Amino acid sequence: DFLARGDDGRPAAGSAVKLVVRPEKFRLVAAHAGAGPNAHPVRVETCLFAGPHTEVLVSRNGMSARVWVQDEAQADAPREGEDRMLCVAADKIRLLPGGDV
């Protein structure tokens, strides 16, 4: 399970929602870094250089997320097989009703 706090108001406790975040709004930090309430341990599966950014696929418990890392913004580039913390600020999260993906 992923637990996250968003700025879209509060859905009813226990209700199913879809969590939506633009891929460039995520941050990947070192696994041992203290990263705040919306930080989750993930495994870096693949890294694909795509010009101005690197597209990184991360996973946790059978779920995955696509992250865009700005190449000039992160000197500590993620590597495949690495453990990292996936972070996102609450104001970058959108919660949509319904949990079917």
Protein backbone atom coordinates (compact mmCIF):
# COMPACT_ATOMS: atom_id res chain seq x y z
CA ASP A 1 0.00 0.00 0.00
CA PHE A 2 1.04 3.57 -0.67
CA LEU A 3 -0.14 6.18 1.79
CA ALA A 4 0.16 9.81 0.74
CA ARG A 5 -1.19 13.19 1.73
CA GLY A 6 -2.54 15.47 -0.98
CA ASP A 7 -3.86 19.02 -1.16
CA ASP A 8 -7.16 18.17 -2.94
CA GLY A 9 -9.27 18.00 0.18
CA ARG A 10 -9.88 14.85 2.12
CA PRO A 11 -11.74 11.86 0.71
CA ALA A 12 -13.79 9.86 3.18
CA ALA A 13 -11.66 7.59 5.34
CA GLY A 14 -11.26 4.19 3.68
CA SER A 15 -12.59 5.29 0.29
CA ALA A 16 -10.79 4.17 -2.86
CA VAL A 17 -8.93 6.85 -4.82
CA LYS A 18 -6.52 7.13 -7.71
CA LEU A 19 -3.32 8.98 -6.94
CA VAL A 20 -2.08 11.07 -9.89
CA VAL A 21 1.30 12.82 -10.04
CA ARG A 22 3.11 14.20 -13.08
CA PRO A 23 6.36 12.22 -13.56
CA GLU A 24 8.57 15.31 -13.31
CA LYS A 25 7.13 16.21 -9.87
CA PHE A 26 8.61 13.15 -8.13
CA ARG A 27 12.04 13.24 -6.51
CA LEU A 28 14.34 10.28 -5.94
CA VAL A 29 16.65 10.59 -2.94
CA ALA A 30 19.12 8.27 -1.24
CA ALA A 31 17.45 5.37 0.57
CA HIS A 32 18.81 6.49 3.94
CA ALA A 33 17.66 10.13 3.59
CA GLY A 34 14.90 11.45 5.82
CA ALA A 35 12.47 12.63 3.18
CA GLY A 36 9.15 13.59 4.81
CA PRO A 37 5.60 12.21 4.96
CA ASN A 38 5.19 11.42 1.23
CA ALA A 39 8.37 9.37 0.91
CA HIS A 40 8.33 5.65 0.13
CA PRO A 41 11.13 3.13 -0.40
CA VAL A 42 11.32 1.93 -4.01
CA ARG A 43 13.62 -0.11 -6.23
CA VAL A 44 14.97 1.46 -9.42
CA GLU A 45 14.04 -0.97 -12.21
CA THR A 46 15.15 0.82 -15.38
CA CYS A 47 16.74 4.12 -16.41
CA LEU A 48 16.33 5.49 -19.93
CA PHE A 49 18.13 8.64 -21.07
CA ALA A 50 15.60 10.82 -22.94
CA GLY A 51 17.45 14.03 -23.78
CA PRO A 52 16.72 16.72 -21.18
CA HIS A 53 15.65 14.14 -18.59
CA THR A 54 16.15 10.51 -17.65
CA GLU A 55 13.01 8.39 -17.39
CA VAL A 56 13.24 6.10 -14.36
CA LEU A 57 10.84 3.24 -13.65
CA VAL A 58 10.60 2.44 -9.92
CA SER A 59 8.58 -0.24 -8.14
CA ARG A 60 7.33 -1.26 -4.71
CA ASN A 61 5.07 -4.17 -3.74
CA GLY A 62 4.01 -4.86 -7.34
CA MET A 63 3.18 -1.21 -8.09
CA SER A 64 5.27 1.01 -10.31
CA ALA A 65 5.77 4.70 -11.03
CA ARG A 66 7.48 6.55 -13.84
CA VAL A 67 9.79 9.35 -12.67
CA TRP A 68 11.49 11.99 -14.80
CA VAL A 69 14.84 13.09 -13.39
CA GLN A 70 16.14 16.35 -14.85
CA ASP A 71 19.70 15.51 -15.84
CA GLU A 72 21.19 18.83 -14.79
CA ALA A 73 19.22 18.89 -11.52
CA GLN A 74 20.44 15.64 -9.96
CA ALA A 75 24.16 14.96 -9.77
CA ASP A 76 23.46 11.74 -7.85
CA ALA A 77 21.78 9.93 -10.75
CA PRO A 78 19.81 6.77 -9.91
CA ARG A 79 21.14 3.40 -11.09
CA GLU A 80 19.22 0.25 -11.99
CA GLY A 81 18.82 -2.11 -9.03
CA GLU A 82 19.33 0.66 -6.47
CA ASP A 83 17.05 1.30 -3.51
CA ARG A 84 15.82 4.90 -3.27
CA MET A 85 13.13 6.97 -1.60
CA LEU A 86 10.37 8.22 -3.91
CA CYS A 87 9.19 11.63 -2.68
CA VAL A 88 6.49 14.05 -3.76
CA ALA A 89 5.19 17.26 -2.22
CA ALA A 90 1.53 17.19 -1.13
CA ASP A 91 0.61 20.05 -3.47
CA LYS A 92 1.76 17.98 -6.48
CA ILE A 93 -0.65 15.08 -5.74
CA ARG A 94 -4.14 14.86 -7.24
CA LEU A 95 -6.65 12.42 -5.76
CA LEU A 96 -9.42 11.21 -8.06
CA PRO A 97 -12.46 9.23 -6.91
CA GLY A 98 -12.39 5.46 -7.52
CA GLY A 99 -9.58 3.00 -7.10
CA ASP A 100 -9.84 0.96 -10.29
CA VAL A 101 -6.74 1.51 -12.38
